[in-house]
Amino acid sequence: LSSYFNFHHLAIEDCVTETLLPKVYDFGDYIFLVLYGARWGVEGRFATNEINFFLGPNYIVTYHDFPSRSVKHARERCLKNLPATIRGADFLLHEVLDCMVDDYFPVLDRFEKAMEGLESEVFADPQKTTLNKIVVLKKEVMLLRRSILPQQEILNRLSRDNFAVIGAKTGVYYRDVYDHLARISEMADSYQDQLSGTLEV
């Protein structure tokens, strides 16, 4: 694929090696994105799934080590709703990113339930294991925040900057995804404060 589309070797290098932060590179006739979806890793703990995107004028190429629900859901949407593909590759990328961000909300629900359980445990019968559970959950929330904050900036750029492969009419859709990320970021901040309070108790 890299030979067929003539992708830059640095972008290919980012695909095959772990990238620590989300990024966007503008190569003129295509852009390269590194973003992170949500998944459950070892022992049912929150983890991220790196997804690499190449967006050209009439194509999208994705590269990821784990199965991607967002790519699968976007494909299903396209099969059910032909206009999604007719509107262009930039709109199709929005469909994938919209699904990817939506997949964070079940994660937030799971965090909330875990925090409610910990608060009940703290006031009812706190044990040494309770402290460990709080610390582990705080680390997961920190990972959530670290993955969301830089992605907000990426989506802000996609909605506002002048990329040749993103039409002006599509920018507003990326702004909508940005707003969802901002909401997730606010919730992650509140979780961090809540867990700090539980830890103090």
C-alpha atoms as a PDB file:
ATOM      1  CA  LEU A   1       0.000   0.000   0.000  1.00  0.00           C
ATOM      2  CA  SER A   2       2.818   2.419   0.823  1.00  0.00           C
ATOM      3  CA  SER A   3       4.337   1.821  -2.622  1.00  0.00           C
ATOM      4  CA  TYR A   4       0.996   2.148  -4.408  1.00  0.00           C
ATOM      5  CA  PHE A   5       0.085   5.434  -2.674  1.00  0.00           C
ATOM      6  CA  ASN A   6       3.683   6.637  -2.378  1.00  0.00           C
ATOM      7  CA  PHE A   7       3.341   7.339   1.360  1.00  0.00           C
ATOM      8  CA  HIS A   8       6.242   9.093   3.070  1.00  0.00           C
ATOM      9  CA  HIS A   9       8.676   6.736   4.779  1.00  0.00           C
ATOM     10  CA  LEU A  10       8.459   8.673   8.067  1.00  0.00           C
ATOM     11  CA  ALA A  11       4.697   8.116   8.152  1.00  0.00           C
ATOM     12  CA  ILE A  12       5.231   4.393   7.520  1.00  0.00           C
ATOM     13  CA  GLU A  13       7.797   4.369  10.329  1.00  0.00           C
ATOM     14  CA  ASP A  14       5.193   5.887  12.683  1.00  0.00           C
ATOM     15  CA  CYS A  15       2.768   3.135  11.689  1.00  0.00           C
ATOM     16  CA  VAL A  16       5.039   0.197  12.432  1.00  0.00           C
ATOM     17  CA  THR A  17       6.523   1.619  15.658  1.00  0.00           C
ATOM     18  CA  GLU A  18       4.606   2.762  18.727  1.00  0.00           C
ATOM     19  CA  THR A  19       3.850   6.483  18.672  1.00  0.00           C
ATOM     20  CA  LEU A  20       3.434   8.072  22.087  1.00  0.00           C
ATOM     21  CA  LEU A  21       1.329  11.065  21.101  1.00  0.00           C
ATOM     22  CA  PRO A  22      -1.444  11.830  18.605  1.00  0.00           C
ATOM     23  CA  LYS A  23      -0.242  13.793  15.594  1.00  0.00           C
ATOM     24  CA  VAL A  24      -1.223  15.139  12.196  1.00  0.00           C
ATOM     25  CA  TYR A  25       1.126  15.686   9.249  1.00  0.00           C
ATOM     26  CA  ASP A  26       0.114  17.478   6.076  1.00  0.00           C
ATOM     27  CA  PHE A  27       1.858  16.016   3.027  1.00  0.00           C
ATOM     28  CA  GLY A  28      -0.100  18.184   0.579  1.00  0.00           C
ATOM     29  CA  ASP A  29      -1.983  15.577  -1.453  1.00  0.00           C
ATOM     30  CA  TYR A  30      -2.764  13.559   1.704  1.00  0.00           C
ATOM     31  CA  ILE A  31      -2.633  13.921   5.478  1.00  0.00           C
ATOM     32  CA  PHE A  32      -1.360  11.403   8.018  1.00  0.00           C
ATOM     33  CA  LEU A  33      -3.005  11.053  11.437  1.00  0.00           C
ATOM     34  CA  VAL A  34      -2.137   9.122  14.569  1.00  0.00           C
ATOM     35  CA  LEU A  35      -5.077   8.879  16.985  1.00  0.00           C
ATOM     36  CA  TYR A  36      -6.144   6.623  19.842  1.00  0.00           C
ATOM     37  CA  GLY A  37      -9.320   4.637  20.368  1.00  0.00           C
ATOM     38  CA  ALA A  38     -10.501   3.039  23.607  1.00  0.00           C
ATOM     39  CA  ARG A  39     -10.227  -0.655  24.419  1.00  0.00           C
ATOM     40  CA  TRP A  40      -9.951  -2.958  27.412  1.00  0.00           C
ATOM     41  CA  GLY A  41      -6.498  -4.395  27.956  1.00  0.00           C
ATOM     42  CA  VAL A  42      -4.981  -6.812  30.459  1.00  0.00           C
ATOM     43  CA  GLU A  43      -7.223  -7.746  33.401  1.00  0.00           C
ATOM     44  CA  GLY A  44     -10.052  -5.663  32.011  1.00  0.00           C
ATOM     45  CA  ARG A  45      -8.234  -2.365  32.504  1.00  0.00           C
ATOM     46  CA  PHE A  46      -8.587   0.657  30.259  1.00  0.00           C
ATOM     47  CA  ALA A  47      -6.071   0.856  27.411  1.00  0.00           C
ATOM     48  CA  THR A  48      -5.754   2.737  24.141  1.00  0.00           C
ATOM     49  CA  ASN A  49      -5.588   1.451  20.586  1.00  0.00           C
ATOM     50  CA  GLU A  50      -3.348   3.394  18.201  1.00  0.00           C
ATOM     51  CA  ILE A  51      -4.965   3.924  14.795  1.00  0.00           C
ATOM     52  CA  ASN A  52      -3.048   5.453  11.895  1.00  0.00           C
ATOM     53  CA  PHE A  53      -4.923   7.184   9.079  1.00  0.00           C
ATOM     54  CA  PHE A  54      -3.928   8.287   5.603  1.00  0.00           C
ATOM     55  CA  LEU A  55      -6.556  10.593   4.097  1.00  0.00           C
ATOM     56  CA  GLY A  56      -6.270  11.429   0.403  1.00  0.00           C
ATOM     57  CA  PRO A  57      -8.658  13.163  -1.990  1.00  0.00           C
ATOM     58  CA  ASN A  58     -10.559   9.925  -2.725  1.00  0.00           C
ATOM     59  CA  TYR A  59      -9.275   7.293  -0.289  1.00  0.00           C
ATOM     60  CA  ILE A  60      -8.668   6.390   3.365  1.00  0.00           C
ATOM     61  CA  VAL A  61      -6.081   3.880   4.518  1.00  0.00           C
ATOM     62  CA  THR A  62      -6.050   2.777   8.159  1.00  0.00           C
ATOM     63  CA  TYR A  63      -3.363   0.817   9.989  1.00  0.00           C
ATOM     64  CA  HIS A  64      -3.812  -0.633  13.487  1.00  0.00           C
ATOM     65  CA  ASP A  65      -2.493  -3.557  15.538  1.00  0.00           C
ATOM     66  CA  PHE A  66      -5.833  -4.381  17.204  1.00  0.00           C
ATOM     67  CA  PRO A  67      -9.287  -4.817  15.644  1.00  0.00           C
ATOM     68  CA  SER A  68     -10.959  -1.396  15.475  1.00  0.00           C
ATOM     69  CA  ARG A  69     -14.638  -1.111  16.363  1.00  0.00           C
ATOM     70  CA  SER A  70     -14.751   2.407  14.923  1.00  0.00           C
ATOM     71  CA  VAL A  71     -13.503   1.253  11.511  1.00  0.00           C
ATOM     72  CA  LYS A  72     -15.935  -1.678  11.601  1.00  0.00           C
ATOM     73  CA  HIS A  73     -18.883   0.541  12.612  1.00  0.00           C
ATOM     74  CA  ALA A  74     -18.065   3.147   9.964  1.00  0.00           C
ATOM     75  CA  ARG A  75     -17.930   0.403   7.324  1.00  0.00           C
ATOM     76  CA  GLU A  76     -21.336  -0.884   8.456  1.00  0.00           C
ATOM     77  CA  ARG A  77     -22.757   2.647   8.334  1.00  0.00           C
ATOM     78  CA  CYS A  78     -21.473   3.046   4.781  1.00  0.00           C
ATOM     79  CA  LEU A  79     -23.069  -0.210   3.674  1.00  0.00           C
ATOM     80  CA  LYS A  80     -26.407   0.904   5.134  1.00  0.00           C
ATOM     81  CA  ASN A  81     -26.122   4.541   4.099  1.00  0.00           C
ATOM     82  CA  LEU A  82     -24.617   5.030   0.637  1.00  0.00           C
ATOM     83  CA  PRO A  83     -24.556   8.892   0.853  1.00  0.00           C
ATOM     84  CA  ALA A  84     -21.839   8.588   3.517  1.00  0.00           C
ATOM     85  CA  THR A  85     -19.459   7.346   0.824  1.00  0.00           C
ATOM     86  CA  ILE A  86     -20.745   9.661  -1.898  1.00  0.00           C
ATOM     87  CA  ARG A  87     -19.967  12.731   0.251  1.00  0.00           C
ATOM     88  CA  GLY A  88     -16.239  12.051  -0.002  1.00  0.00           C
ATOM     89  CA  ALA A  89     -13.284  10.544   1.791  1.00  0.00           C
ATOM     90  CA  ASP A  90     -13.049  13.475   4.222  1.00  0.00           C
ATOM     91  CA  PHE A  91     -16.626  12.836   5.383  1.00  0.00           C
ATOM     92  CA  LEU A  92     -15.904   9.112   5.619  1.00  0.00           C
ATOM     93  CA  LEU A  93     -12.951   9.872   7.921  1.00  0.00           C
ATOM     94  CA  HIS A  94     -15.329  11.893  10.078  1.00  0.00           C
ATOM     95  CA  GLU A  95     -17.577   8.823  10.311  1.00  0.00           C
ATOM     96  CA  VAL A  96     -14.664   6.745  11.622  1.00  0.00           C
ATOM     97  CA  LEU A  97     -13.549   9.414  14.109  1.00  0.00           C
ATOM     98  CA  ASP A  98     -17.115   9.939  15.300  1.00  0.00           C
ATOM     99  CA  CYS A  99     -17.436   6.213  16.031  1.00  0.00           C
ATOM    100  CA  MET A 100     -14.011   6.176  17.683  1.00  0.00           C
ATOM    101  CA  VAL A 101     -14.940   8.979  20.088  1.00  0.00           C
ATOM    102  CA  ASP A 102     -18.367   7.461  20.791  1.00  0.00           C
ATOM    103  CA  ASP A 103     -16.574   4.301  21.950  1.00  0.00           C
ATOM    104  CA  TYR A 104     -15.139   6.321  24.853  1.00  0.00           C
ATOM    105  CA  PHE A 105     -18.560   6.845  26.453  1.00  0.00           C
ATOM    106  CA  PRO A 106     -19.026   3.205  27.605  1.00  0.00           C
ATOM    107  CA  VAL A 107     -15.564   3.574  29.153  1.00  0.00           C
ATOM    108  CA  LEU A 108     -16.776   6.628  31.080  1.00  0.00           C
ATOM    109  CA  ASP A 109     -19.809   4.679  32.315  1.00  0.00           C
ATOM    110  CA  ARG A 110     -17.518   1.922  33.528  1.00  0.00           C
ATOM    111  CA  PHE A 111     -15.313   4.430  35.364  1.00  0.00           C
ATOM    112  CA  GLU A 112     -18.363   5.938  37.072  1.00  0.00           C
ATOM    113  CA  LYS A 113     -19.600   2.549  38.282  1.00  0.00           C
ATOM    114  CA  ALA A 114     -16.123   1.652  39.561  1.00  0.00           C
ATOM    115  CA  MET A 115     -15.883   4.953  41.458  1.00  0.00           C
ATOM    116  CA  GLU A 116     -19.328   4.490  42.991  1.00  0.00           C
ATOM    117  CA  GLY A 117     -18.280   1.022  44.174  1.00  0.00           C
ATOM    118  CA  LEU A 118     -15.054   2.370  45.658  1.00  0.00           C
ATOM    119  CA  GLU A 119     -16.821   5.182  47.498  1.00  0.00           C
ATOM    120  CA  SER A 120     -19.257   2.687  49.025  1.00  0.00           C
ATOM    121  CA  GLU A 121     -16.333   0.460  50.014  1.00  0.00           C
ATOM    122  CA  VAL A 122     -14.426   3.369  51.588  1.00  0.00           C
ATOM    123  CA  PHE A 123     -17.320   4.313  53.866  1.00  0.00           C
ATOM    124  CA  ALA A 124     -18.558   0.781  54.593  1.00  0.00           C
ATOM    125  CA  ASP A 125     -15.482  -1.408  55.069  1.00  0.00           C
ATOM    126  CA  PRO A 126     -12.172   0.000  53.751  1.00  0.00           C
ATOM    127  CA  GLN A 127      -9.297  -2.456  53.384  1.00  0.00           C
ATOM    128  CA  LYS A 128      -5.709  -2.181  52.163  1.00  0.00           C
ATOM    129  CA  THR A 129      -6.923  -3.505  48.826  1.00  0.00           C
ATOM    130  CA  THR A 130      -9.304  -0.527  48.620  1.00  0.00           C
ATOM    131  CA  LEU A 131      -6.326   1.828  48.484  1.00  0.00           C
ATOM    132  CA  ASN A 132      -4.750  -0.202  45.687  1.00  0.00           C
ATOM    133  CA  LYS A 133      -7.994  -0.142  43.680  1.00  0.00           C
ATOM    134  CA  ILE A 134      -8.178   3.655  43.969  1.00  0.00           C
ATOM    135  CA  VAL A 135      -4.556   4.080  42.847  1.00  0.00           C
ATOM    136  CA  VAL A 136      -5.044   1.743  39.859  1.00  0.00           C
ATOM    137  CA  LEU A 137      -8.212   3.585  38.801  1.00  0.00           C
ATOM    138  CA  LYS A 138      -6.446   6.954  39.121  1.00  0.00           C
ATOM    139  CA  LYS A 139      -3.734   5.686  36.747  1.00  0.00           C
ATOM    140  CA  GLU A 140      -6.378   4.601  34.235  1.00  0.00           C
ATOM    141  CA  VAL A 141      -8.056   8.012  34.404  1.00  0.00           C
ATOM    142  CA  MET A 142      -4.674   9.679  33.886  1.00  0.00           C
ATOM    143  CA  LEU A 143      -4.167   7.535  30.769  1.00  0.00           C
ATOM    144  CA  LEU A 144      -7.614   8.583  29.563  1.00  0.00           C
ATOM    145  CA  ARG A 145      -6.759  12.269  30.046  1.00  0.00           C
ATOM    146  CA  ARG A 146      -3.371  11.898  28.333  1.00  0.00           C
ATOM    147  CA  SER A 147      -4.992  10.312  25.289  1.00  0.00           C
ATOM    148  CA  ILE A 148      -7.877  12.804  25.030  1.00  0.00           C
ATOM    149  CA  LEU A 149      -6.203  16.212  25.489  1.00  0.00           C
ATOM    150  CA  PRO A 150      -3.817  16.048  22.481  1.00  0.00           C
ATOM    151  CA  GLN A 151      -6.566  14.575  20.315  1.00  0.00           C
ATOM    152  CA  GLN A 152      -8.696  17.642  21.012  1.00  0.00           C
ATOM    153  CA  GLU A 153      -5.994  19.771  19.421  1.00  0.00           C
ATOM    154  CA  ILE A 154      -5.860  17.450  16.376  1.00  0.00           C
ATOM    155  CA  LEU A 155      -9.643  17.657  15.876  1.00  0.00           C
ATOM    156  CA  ASN A 156      -9.497  21.412  16.337  1.00  0.00           C
ATOM    157  CA  ARG A 157      -6.940  21.608  13.536  1.00  0.00           C
ATOM    158  CA  LEU A 158      -8.982  19.337  11.265  1.00  0.00           C
ATOM    159  CA  SER A 159     -12.012  21.588  11.748  1.00  0.00           C
ATOM    160  CA  ARG A 160     -10.199  24.928  11.303  1.00  0.00           C
ATOM    161  CA  ASP A 161      -6.939  24.545   9.329  1.00  0.00           C
ATOM    162  CA  ASN A 162      -6.796  24.659   5.563  1.00  0.00           C
ATOM    163  CA  PHE A 163      -6.067  21.063   4.555  1.00  0.00           C
ATOM    164  CA  ALA A 164      -6.362  20.424   0.812  1.00  0.00           C
ATOM    165  CA  VAL A 165      -8.064  17.044   1.335  1.00  0.00           C
ATOM    166  CA  ILE A 166     -10.734  18.337   3.765  1.00  0.00           C
ATOM    167  CA  GLY A 167     -13.560  20.361   2.270  1.00  0.00           C
ATOM    168  CA  ALA A 168     -14.880  23.494   3.961  1.00  0.00           C
ATOM    169  CA  LYS A 169     -18.322  21.915   4.400  1.00  0.00           C
ATOM    170  CA  THR A 170     -16.856  18.935   6.259  1.00  0.00           C
ATOM    171  CA  GLY A 171     -15.016  21.041   8.838  1.00  0.00           C
ATOM    172  CA  VAL A 172     -18.152  21.575  10.909  1.00  0.00           C
ATOM    173  CA  TYR A 173     -18.510  17.802  11.340  1.00  0.00           C
ATOM    174  CA  TYR A 174     -14.986  17.550  12.726  1.00  0.00           C
ATOM    175  CA  ARG A 175     -15.897  20.382  15.094  1.00  0.00           C
ATOM    176  CA  ASP A 176     -18.734  18.237  16.410  1.00  0.00           C
ATOM    177  CA  VAL A 177     -16.279  15.410  17.195  1.00  0.00           C
ATOM    178  CA  TYR A 178     -14.039  17.979  18.900  1.00  0.00           C
ATOM    179  CA  ASP A 179     -16.962  19.023  21.114  1.00  0.00           C
ATOM    180  CA  HIS A 180     -17.493  15.396  22.153  1.00  0.00           C
ATOM    181  CA  LEU A 181     -13.808  15.089  23.047  1.00  0.00           C
ATOM    182  CA  ALA A 182     -14.039  18.288  25.098  1.00  0.00           C
ATOM    183  CA  ARG A 183     -16.926  16.769  27.036  1.00  0.00           C
ATOM    184  CA  ILE A 184     -14.926  13.576  27.676  1.00  0.00           C
ATOM    185  CA  SER A 185     -11.973  15.673  28.822  1.00  0.00           C
ATOM    186  CA  GLU A 186     -14.141  17.550  31.327  1.00  0.00           C
ATOM    187  CA  MET A 187     -15.525  14.283  32.678  1.00  0.00           C
ATOM    188  CA  ALA A 188     -12.006  12.835  33.027  1.00  0.00           C
ATOM    189  CA  ASP A 189     -10.977  15.917  35.023  1.00  0.00           C
ATOM    190  CA  SER A 190     -13.953  15.472  37.337  1.00  0.00           C
ATOM    191  CA  TYR A 191     -13.097  11.765  37.789  1.00  0.00           C
ATOM    192  CA  GLN A 192      -9.548  12.716  38.746  1.00  0.00           C
ATOM    193  CA  ASP A 193     -10.832  15.165  41.385  1.00  0.00           C
ATOM    194  CA  GLN A 194     -13.366  12.661  42.675  1.00  0.00           C
ATOM    195  CA  LEU A 195     -10.759   9.910  43.020  1.00  0.00           C
ATOM    196  CA  SER A 196      -8.368  12.282  44.786  1.00  0.00           C
ATOM    197  CA  GLY A 197     -11.139  13.051  47.262  1.00  0.00           C
ATOM    198  CA  THR A 198     -11.854   9.347  47.765  1.00  0.00           C
ATOM    199  CA  LEU A 199      -8.141   8.713  48.315  1.00  0.00           C
ATOM    200  CA  GLU A 200      -8.001  11.429  50.982  1.00  0.00           C
ATOM    201  CA  VAL A 201     -11.005   9.924  52.777  1.00  0.00           C
END
